[in-house]
């Protein structure tokens, strides 16, 4: 129990370390991504329609059947779409899983994710909330992961919805080059927390 709590605090600290929304430069091109064997994932999160002051998420890859190793934190500061917090994450091509999400609303923090009971150097999780695949050179709008119906510490209903038109319009205004190269392909929701 103490090890699990210590690792949970370490993950929370790592996720909180970044002070702004995860983003890439608007000057990024498909050719540059292809040369670097990379891709960009554009995605969002919503908690029962709550306006999260800070949202943290953790991307993972499956290390063995049913076990996901956390790789890349995502942070969204000052809820979006109206505040411009649409995260964009540069990744290597592959399949990724969202295994942990938290949302700070006032003094409350909602958290969804199932850490494994034993941790190695990287945190491991037992369940994928959603998954997606990105290919070389792709800039992909994955939609939003919606979490609702909280039934305990780590339990919620999970589904994927389209990114709101207002958020896409803002992305086109703020990141016109990136938006012009973007394709849409929804992530796939898992069974929830």
Protein backbone atom coordinates (compact mmCIF):
# COMPACT_ATOMS: atom_id res chain seq x y z
CA UNK A 1 0.00 0.00 0.00
CA UNK A 2 2.79 2.45 0.90
CA UNK A 3 4.63 1.63 -2.37
CA UNK A 4 1.47 2.17 -4.40
CA UNK A 5 0.79 5.50 -2.67
CA UNK A 6 4.40 6.67 -3.14
CA UNK A 7 4.34 5.79 -6.85
CA UNK A 8 0.94 7.46 -7.27
CA UNK A 9 2.35 10.64 -5.71
CA UNK A 10 5.43 10.42 -7.98
CA UNK A 11 3.20 10.14 -11.07
CA UNK A 12 1.08 13.07 -9.87
CA UNK A 13 4.24 15.12 -9.33
CA UNK A 14 5.56 14.30 -12.78
CA UNK A 15 2.24 15.21 -14.38
CA UNK A 16 2.07 18.49 -12.44
CA UNK A 17 5.63 19.51 -13.33
CA UNK A 18 4.72 21.14 -16.63
CA UNK A 19 3.18 24.62 -16.27
CA UNK A 20 1.36 24.94 -19.59
CA UNK A 21 -0.78 22.99 -22.05
CA UNK A 22 1.11 20.36 -24.09
CA UNK A 23 1.67 21.78 -27.60
CA UNK A 24 3.77 21.54 -30.75
CA UNK A 25 4.89 24.37 -33.02
CA UNK A 26 2.58 25.52 -35.82
CA UNK A 27 5.54 25.38 -38.22
CA UNK A 28 5.66 21.59 -37.96
CA UNK A 29 5.06 19.91 -41.34
CA UNK A 30 4.17 16.41 -42.44
CA UNK A 31 7.58 16.15 -44.18
CA UNK A 32 9.43 17.10 -40.98
CA UNK A 33 7.40 14.51 -39.08
CA UNK A 34 8.18 11.87 -41.71
CA UNK A 35 11.91 12.66 -41.57
CA UNK A 36 11.85 12.31 -37.79
CA UNK A 37 9.57 9.25 -37.85
CA UNK A 38 7.01 11.09 -35.71
CA UNK A 39 3.32 12.00 -35.58
CA UNK A 40 1.10 14.47 -33.72
CA UNK A 41 -1.98 13.54 -31.68
CA UNK A 42 -4.56 16.29 -30.99
CA UNK A 43 -7.04 15.31 -28.27
CA UNK A 44 -9.17 16.64 -25.45
CA UNK A 45 -10.88 15.55 -22.24
CA UNK A 46 -14.12 16.42 -20.49
CA UNK A 47 -15.44 15.40 -17.05
CA UNK A 48 -19.25 15.45 -16.82
CA UNK A 49 -19.21 18.85 -18.47
CA UNK A 50 -16.97 20.26 -15.70
CA UNK A 51 -14.65 23.15 -16.44
CA UNK A 52 -11.32 21.70 -15.32
CA UNK A 53 -8.76 24.26 -14.16
CA UNK A 54 -5.99 21.70 -14.82
CA UNK A 55 -6.36 18.34 -16.57
CA UNK A 56 -3.57 15.77 -16.51
CA UNK A 57 -3.47 12.56 -18.52
CA UNK A 58 -0.96 9.78 -19.05
CA UNK A 59 -0.30 8.03 -22.37
CA UNK A 60 0.99 4.47 -22.25
CA UNK A 61 1.84 1.53 -24.44
CA UNK A 62 0.92 -2.07 -23.73
CA UNK A 63 3.99 -3.77 -22.25
CA UNK A 64 2.29 -7.16 -21.92
CA UNK A 65 -1.34 -8.26 -22.28
CA UNK A 66 -3.44 -6.22 -19.85
CA UNK A 67 -0.53 -4.14 -18.51
CA UNK A 68 0.24 -0.64 -19.79
CA UNK A 69 3.49 1.25 -19.11
CA UNK A 70 3.10 5.01 -18.72
CA UNK A 71 5.24 6.97 -21.21
CA UNK A 72 4.07 10.51 -21.83
CA UNK A 73 2.17 12.98 -19.62
CA UNK A 74 -0.26 15.47 -21.16
CA UNK A 75 -1.33 18.65 -19.39
CA UNK A 76 -4.16 21.09 -20.17
CA UNK A 77 -4.16 24.35 -18.22
CA UNK A 78 -7.34 26.44 -17.85
CA UNK A 79 -10.09 24.38 -19.41
CA UNK A 80 -10.74 24.51 -23.11
CA UNK A 81 -12.07 25.08 -25.75
CA UNK A 82 -12.63 28.74 -24.95
CA UNK A 83 -9.27 29.20 -23.18
CA UNK A 84 -7.21 27.65 -25.98
CA UNK A 85 -6.11 24.53 -24.11
CA UNK A 86 -6.20 22.00 -26.96
CA UNK A 87 -3.27 19.66 -26.35
CA UNK A 88 -1.05 18.56 -29.22
CA UNK A 89 1.46 15.80 -28.51
CA UNK A 90 4.38 14.71 -30.69
CA UNK A 91 4.78 10.90 -30.61
CA UNK A 92 6.56 8.10 -32.40
CA UNK A 93 4.21 6.19 -34.72
CA UNK A 94 2.38 3.42 -32.89
CA UNK A 95 -0.58 2.50 -30.73
CA UNK A 96 -1.11 4.40 -27.50
CA UNK A 97 -3.48 4.07 -24.56
CA UNK A 98 -4.82 6.70 -22.18
CA UNK A 99 -4.49 5.09 -18.74
CA UNK A 100 -4.92 7.95 -16.27
CA UNK A 101 -6.84 11.24 -16.30
CA UNK A 102 -7.38 13.81 -13.54
CA UNK A 103 -9.44 17.01 -13.52
CA UNK A 104 -9.15 19.79 -10.96
CA UNK A 105 -12.43 21.66 -10.37
CA UNK A 106 -12.08 24.16 -7.55
CA UNK A 107 -10.84 22.24 -4.50
CA UNK A 108 -12.00 18.88 -5.94
CA UNK A 109 -9.90 16.60 -8.13
CA UNK A 110 -11.54 13.79 -10.12
CA UNK A 111 -9.17 10.92 -11.01
CA UNK A 112 -9.68 7.90 -13.25
CA UNK A 113 -7.12 5.13 -13.76
CA UNK A 114 -6.18 1.75 -12.28
CA UNK A 115 -2.51 1.56 -11.25
CA UNK A 116 -1.05 -1.93 -11.13
CA UNK A 117 -0.22 -3.22 -7.66
CA UNK A 118 3.52 -3.47 -8.35
CA UNK A 119 5.53 -0.79 -10.13
CA UNK A 120 8.89 -0.91 -11.88
CA UNK A 121 10.77 2.28 -12.79
CA UNK A 122 7.82 3.49 -14.87
CA UNK A 123 4.23 3.42 -13.62
CA UNK A 124 2.10 0.57 -14.88
CA UNK A 125 -1.68 0.54 -15.23
CA UNK A 126 -4.15 -2.33 -15.55
CA UNK A 127 -6.68 -0.77 -17.88
CA UNK A 128 -6.82 1.36 -21.00
CA UNK A 129 -9.47 4.09 -20.89
CA UNK A 130 -9.07 4.66 -24.66
CA UNK A 131 -6.62 3.85 -27.43
CA UNK A 132 -5.46 5.33 -30.72
CA UNK A 133 -2.90 4.71 -33.43
CA UNK A 134 -0.83 7.33 -35.24
CA UNK A 135 1.26 6.70 -38.35
CA UNK A 136 4.44 8.39 -39.58
CA UNK A 137 3.86 12.01 -40.56
CA UNK A 138 0.25 12.10 -39.38
CA UNK A 139 -1.38 15.00 -37.53
CA UNK A 140 -4.57 13.45 -36.14
CA UNK A 141 -7.60 15.00 -34.42
CA UNK A 142 -8.61 12.13 -32.09
CA UNK A 143 -11.66 13.84 -30.56
CA UNK A 144 -12.40 14.09 -26.85
CA UNK A 145 -12.44 11.49 -24.12
CA UNK A 146 -15.58 12.10 -22.04
CA UNK A 147 -15.67 10.74 -18.48
CA UNK A 148 -18.94 10.70 -16.53
CA UNK A 149 -20.93 8.89 -13.84
CA UNK A 150 -18.23 8.68 -11.20
CA UNK A 151 -18.91 5.66 -8.98
CA UNK A 152 -15.93 5.70 -6.66
CA UNK A 153 -12.29 6.62 -6.63
CA UNK A 154 -11.32 5.18 -10.02
CA UNK A 155 -14.63 4.35 -11.69
CA UNK A 156 -16.35 6.26 -14.47
CA UNK A 157 -18.13 5.76 -17.77
CA UNK A 158 -15.87 6.53 -20.72
CA UNK A 159 -16.80 7.40 -24.28
CA UNK A 160 -15.34 9.35 -27.19
CA UNK A 161 -17.05 12.41 -28.66
CA UNK A 162 -16.15 14.76 -31.49
CA UNK A 163 -14.12 17.83 -30.69
CA UNK A 164 -16.53 20.78 -30.38
CA UNK A 165 -16.75 23.01 -33.48
CA UNK A 166 -15.62 26.01 -31.40
CA UNK A 167 -12.44 24.19 -30.36
CA UNK A 168 -11.66 23.27 -33.97
CA UNK A 169 -12.30 26.86 -35.11
CA UNK A 170 -9.93 28.12 -32.41
CA UNK A 171 -7.28 25.59 -33.46
CA UNK A 172 -7.61 26.77 -37.08
CA UNK A 173 -7.14 30.40 -35.96
CA UNK A 174 -4.26 29.75 -33.54
CA UNK A 175 -2.48 26.96 -35.47
CA UNK A 176 -3.50 27.35 -39.14
CA UNK A 177 -0.60 25.34 -40.60
CA UNK A 178 -1.12 22.46 -38.18
CA UNK A 179 -4.91 22.46 -38.69
CA UNK A 180 -4.53 22.47 -42.49
CA UNK A 181 -2.55 19.19 -42.32
CA UNK A 182 -4.86 17.53 -39.77
CA UNK A 183 -6.97 14.45 -40.41
CA UNK A 184 -9.74 13.26 -38.07
CA UNK A 185 -9.84 9.72 -36.68
CA UNK A 186 -11.57 9.12 -33.35
CA UNK A 187 -9.79 7.26 -30.57
CA UNK A 188 -11.55 4.10 -29.33
CA UNK A 189 -12.96 4.07 -25.79
CA UNK A 190 -12.07 1.18 -23.50
CA UNK A 191 -14.21 -0.27 -20.73
CA UNK A 192 -13.66 2.65 -18.37
CA UNK A 193 -12.11 2.80 -14.94
